[in-house]
Protein backbone atom coordinates (compact mmCIF):
# COMPACT_ATOMS: atom_id res chain seq x y z
CA MET A 1 -159.03 5.80 -20.61
CA THR A 2 -160.47 2.67 -22.20
CA THR A 3 -157.56 2.53 -24.65
CA LEU A 4 -155.01 2.15 -21.82
CA HIS A 5 -153.47 -1.24 -21.01
CA VAL A 6 -151.17 -1.28 -17.96
CA VAL A 7 -149.24 -4.53 -18.22
CA ASP A 8 -149.13 -6.30 -14.87
CA HIS A 9 -146.16 -8.68 -14.70
CA VAL A 10 -143.66 -9.02 -11.86
CA LEU A 11 -140.70 -9.40 -14.25
CA LEU A 12 -141.72 -6.17 -15.95
CA ALA A 13 -142.13 -4.39 -12.61
CA HIS A 14 -138.71 -5.63 -11.46
CA ARG A 15 -137.01 -4.22 -14.55
CA LEU A 16 -138.92 -0.96 -14.27
CA ALA A 17 -137.77 -0.48 -10.67
CA GLU A 18 -134.14 -0.70 -11.78
CA LEU A 19 -134.81 1.50 -14.81
CA ARG A 20 -136.23 4.22 -12.56
CA ASP A 21 -133.26 4.12 -10.16
CA VAL A 22 -131.06 7.19 -10.57
CA ALA A 23 -127.98 5.04 -9.90
CA THR A 24 -128.56 2.76 -12.91
CA PRO A 25 -125.73 3.38 -15.44
CA SER A 26 -126.40 4.11 -19.10
CA ALA A 27 -125.34 0.70 -20.48
CA ARG A 28 -127.58 -1.12 -18.00
CA PHE A 29 -130.40 1.36 -18.70
CA ARG A 30 -130.27 0.52 -22.42
CA LYS A 31 -130.38 -3.21 -21.72
CA LEU A 32 -133.35 -2.84 -19.37
CA LEU A 33 -135.16 -0.59 -21.84
CA ALA A 34 -134.82 -3.23 -24.57
CA GLU A 35 -136.02 -6.00 -22.25
CA ILE A 36 -139.03 -3.92 -21.25
CA GLY A 37 -139.69 -3.20 -24.92
CA ALA A 38 -139.75 -6.94 -25.65
CA ILE A 39 -142.25 -7.65 -22.86
CA LEU A 40 -144.53 -4.79 -23.89
CA THR A 41 -144.36 -5.84 -27.56
CA LEU A 42 -145.56 -9.31 -26.62
CA GLU A 43 -148.56 -7.75 -24.89
CA ALA A 44 -149.24 -5.29 -27.69
CA THR A 45 -149.29 -8.09 -30.27
CA ARG A 46 -151.44 -10.49 -28.25
CA SER A 47 -154.48 -9.82 -30.46
CA LEU A 48 -152.76 -10.06 -33.86
CA PRO A 49 -154.89 -12.12 -36.25
CA ALA A 50 -154.05 -15.82 -36.50
CA ARG A 51 -154.83 -18.69 -38.84
CA THR A 52 -154.32 -22.45 -38.77
CA THR A 53 -151.83 -24.27 -40.97
CA ARG A 54 -150.74 -27.87 -41.25
CA ILE A 55 -147.17 -28.76 -40.29
CA THR A 56 -145.23 -31.99 -39.84
CA THR A 57 -143.21 -32.61 -36.70
CA PRO A 58 -140.57 -35.38 -36.48
CA LEU A 59 -143.37 -37.65 -35.19
CA THR A 60 -146.63 -36.67 -36.87
CA ALA A 61 -148.64 -34.09 -38.81
CA MET A 62 -150.74 -31.53 -36.96
CA GLU A 63 -152.73 -28.32 -37.26
CA HIS A 64 -150.93 -25.32 -35.73
CA ARG A 65 -151.78 -21.66 -35.16
CA VAL A 66 -149.59 -19.09 -36.94
CA LEU A 67 -149.79 -15.40 -37.83
CA ALA A 68 -152.45 -14.65 -40.42
CA ALA A 69 -150.62 -11.60 -41.79
CA PRO A 70 -147.08 -10.18 -41.90
CA GLU A 71 -145.65 -8.54 -38.78
CA PRO A 72 -146.57 -4.87 -38.20
CA VAL A 73 -144.06 -2.11 -38.89
CA LEU A 74 -142.04 -1.03 -35.85
CA VAL A 75 -141.69 2.74 -35.54
CA ALA A 76 -139.41 4.54 -33.08
CA VAL A 77 -139.99 8.10 -31.95
CA LEU A 78 -136.44 9.47 -31.94
CA ARG A 79 -134.36 9.25 -30.06
CA ALA A 80 -135.33 7.43 -26.89
CA GLY A 81 -137.76 5.22 -28.82
CA LEU A 82 -134.77 3.47 -30.39
CA GLY A 83 -133.85 1.76 -27.13
CA LEU A 84 -137.41 0.62 -26.51
CA MET A 85 -137.89 -0.55 -30.11
CA GLU A 86 -134.78 -2.73 -29.86
CA GLY A 87 -136.80 -5.09 -27.70
CA GLY A 88 -139.61 -5.06 -30.24
CA MET A 89 -137.14 -6.03 -32.96
CA GLN A 90 -136.07 -9.04 -30.89
CA VAL A 91 -139.68 -10.23 -30.74
CA LEU A 92 -140.52 -9.33 -34.36
CA PRO A 93 -137.19 -9.69 -36.22
CA GLU A 94 -138.81 -9.72 -39.69
CA ALA A 95 -140.73 -6.49 -39.15
CA PRO A 96 -139.88 -3.41 -41.26
CA VAL A 97 -138.70 -0.38 -39.28
CA GLY A 98 -139.62 3.30 -39.46
CA HIS A 99 -138.59 6.46 -37.60
CA VAL A 100 -140.33 9.67 -36.54
CA GLY A 101 -138.10 12.53 -35.41
CA LEU A 102 -139.78 14.97 -33.02
CA VAL A 103 -138.31 17.59 -30.71
CA ARG A 104 -140.24 19.19 -27.85
CA ASP A 105 -139.82 22.88 -27.11
CA GLU A 106 -138.89 23.10 -23.41
CA HIS A 107 -140.93 26.29 -22.99
CA THR A 108 -144.09 25.66 -24.99
CA LEU A 109 -143.89 21.83 -24.65
CA LYS A 110 -145.08 21.60 -28.28
CA PRO A 111 -143.44 19.09 -30.66
CA SER A 112 -142.02 19.84 -34.08
CA GLN A 113 -141.02 17.26 -36.69
CA TYR A 114 -137.52 17.10 -38.12
CA MET A 115 -137.61 13.66 -39.77
CA LEU A 116 -140.03 11.01 -41.05
CA ARG A 117 -138.88 7.75 -42.63
CA MET A 118 -141.54 5.13 -43.13
CA PRO A 119 -141.45 1.82 -45.08
CA PRO A 120 -144.27 1.39 -47.63
CA GLU A 121 -145.46 -1.75 -45.79
CA VAL A 122 -146.97 0.49 -43.12
CA ARG A 123 -149.94 1.06 -45.44
CA THR A 124 -150.96 -2.61 -45.24
CA ARG A 125 -149.40 -3.88 -42.01
CA GLY A 126 -150.11 -1.05 -39.57
CA ALA A 127 -147.57 -0.06 -36.94
CA ILE A 128 -146.40 -0.31 -33.36
CA LEU A 129 -145.11 3.08 -32.20
CA PHE A 130 -142.41 3.15 -29.50
CA ASP A 131 -141.75 6.10 -27.19
CA PRO A 132 -140.64 5.48 -23.57
CA MET A 133 -142.48 8.46 -22.05
CA LEU A 134 -146.12 9.43 -22.52
CA ALA A 135 -145.97 12.75 -20.66
CA THR A 136 -148.07 15.67 -21.93
CA GLY A 137 -149.23 13.58 -24.88
CA GLY A 138 -148.32 16.26 -27.41
CA SER A 139 -145.43 14.38 -29.00
CA ALA A 140 -147.32 11.08 -28.89
CA ALA A 141 -150.38 12.56 -30.59
CA ALA A 142 -148.18 14.22 -33.22
CA ALA A 143 -146.23 11.00 -33.86
CA VAL A 144 -149.42 8.97 -34.23
CA GLN A 145 -150.77 11.57 -36.66
CA ARG A 146 -147.61 11.34 -38.79
CA VAL A 147 -147.85 7.55 -38.95
CA LYS A 148 -151.53 7.75 -39.85
CA GLU A 149 -150.70 10.22 -42.61
CA ALA A 150 -148.15 7.70 -43.91
CA GLY A 151 -151.09 5.34 -44.41
CA ALA A 152 -151.10 3.06 -41.36
CA PRO A 153 -154.60 1.50 -41.04
CA HIS A 154 -154.06 0.75 -37.34
CA ILE A 155 -151.50 1.72 -34.70
CA ARG A 156 -150.54 0.48 -31.25
CA PHE A 157 -148.60 2.81 -28.92
CA VAL A 158 -145.99 1.32 -26.55
CA CYS A 159 -144.40 3.30 -23.71
CA VAL A 160 -142.65 2.53 -20.43
CA VAL A 161 -144.38 5.04 -18.18
CA ALA A 162 -147.40 7.27 -18.76
CA ALA A 163 -148.93 10.27 -17.03
CA PRO A 164 -152.72 10.57 -16.75
CA GLU A 165 -152.58 13.86 -18.63
CA GLY A 166 -150.78 12.27 -21.58
CA VAL A 167 -153.07 9.25 -21.70
CA ALA A 168 -156.13 11.50 -21.73
CA ARG A 169 -154.73 13.76 -24.46
CA LEU A 170 -153.72 10.86 -26.71
CA ALA A 171 -157.08 9.15 -26.20
CA LYS A 172 -158.92 12.36 -27.12
CA ALA A 173 -156.82 12.93 -30.25
CA HIS A 174 -156.70 9.27 -31.33
CA PRO A 175 -159.35 7.18 -29.57
CA ASP A 176 -158.64 4.28 -31.94
CA VAL A 177 -155.03 3.84 -30.71
CA PRO A 178 -154.51 1.48 -27.74
CA VAL A 179 -151.68 2.29 -25.31
CA TYR A 180 -149.53 -0.40 -23.69
CA THR A 181 -147.41 0.70 -20.74
CA ALA A 182 -145.57 -0.72 -17.74
CA ALA A 183 -146.93 1.95 -15.36
CA LEU A 184 -149.44 4.77 -15.05
CA ASP A 185 -147.61 7.30 -12.89
CA GLU A 186 -149.05 10.05 -10.66
CA ARG A 187 -148.88 13.28 -12.63
CA LEU A 188 -146.74 15.83 -14.49
CA ASP A 189 -144.58 18.41 -12.74
CA HIS A 190 -144.44 22.09 -13.73
CA ARG A 191 -141.89 21.30 -16.48
CA GLY A 192 -144.03 18.59 -18.05
CA PHE A 193 -141.96 15.71 -16.67
CA ILE A 194 -143.63 12.55 -15.36
CA LEU A 195 -143.63 11.99 -11.57
CA PRO A 196 -142.21 9.75 -10.21
CA GLY A 197 -141.06 8.88 -13.73
CA LEU A 198 -137.51 7.90 -14.61
CA GLY A 199 -135.96 11.14 -15.80
CA ASP A 200 -135.07 11.91 -19.42
CA ALA A 201 -135.10 8.50 -21.12
CA GLY A 202 -133.03 9.69 -24.08
CA ASP A 203 -130.25 11.20 -21.98
CA ARG A 204 -130.15 8.20 -19.64
CA CYS A 205 -130.20 5.73 -22.51
CA PHE A 206 -127.35 7.31 -24.46
CA GLY A 207 -125.35 8.89 -21.63
CA THR A 208 -125.91 12.48 -22.72
CA GLU A 209 -126.87 15.59 -20.78
CA GLY A 210 -130.01 17.61 -21.38
């Protein structure tokens, strides 16, 4: 699990505790999800390449560090990834946006694609892929594969909670993709849901029923 980065920050943990709480209403859930997405995006972009440029402040000229390349493409795995990506868009407001639509069969737990929309910049900028839950790893591995096929030279995967089974499966399928998460949970239950988890992120985010 060398590709796994569990972000240790008390403000992140505080938000995650409220996000997990079954009593948290949908509107508050969406807000928390976006805030968590912003924190995780900051961590996922920590190693972006930088360069030095000369600027002039009101008092003097100086050398200052800036991004060496344009911001990576932000890609949401529909639909729950939208709420998480909102935080990424706050941190990287100039970044192009893409979407991968996957649905998981509740019996086989295998994903199937129903949509792929990717900006051409993904071929030069790479991507940050957002999906709140890394459970079995099937959907995550499939989503990463779709983004690679679209031409992304490098990908970072951002999720809120991950199960060991999902982390292992994604690492086996795509060992070059680092994972940034707020928590590595205990395990999957018999339905493929993360324990203790936070329930169905999509339904809780948008106030729908599974």
